[in-house]
Amino acid sequence: MRIFLAGFLVLLAGVASAQQPSRQQLMELRSVCEADLRTLCAGIQPGGGRLAQCLQQNMSSVSQPCREKLAELKAARSTN
């Protein structure tokens, strides 16, 4: 589980590198996207942006709530 969470934080670095996401944003994103990462990216080794790339490649299969949360974080990054 710790490796998964570490990989998740690396994913967030790609989404919100210009602005550090708050702890609450991290928890929300984890709760919303965890099932997508486990289902769509189960065999992906975390790090180097691989989880973000996996989600991007599988965006048509990513759940709507996860897509919305990722878009929300991207929008917050671009406004800062």
Foldseek 3Di string as FASTA:
>chain_A
DVQVLVLLLQLVCVLAVQDDDDPVLSVQLCVQQVVVCCVQVVPPRRDPNRSNVSCVVVVVVGDPSNVVSSVVSNVVNVVD
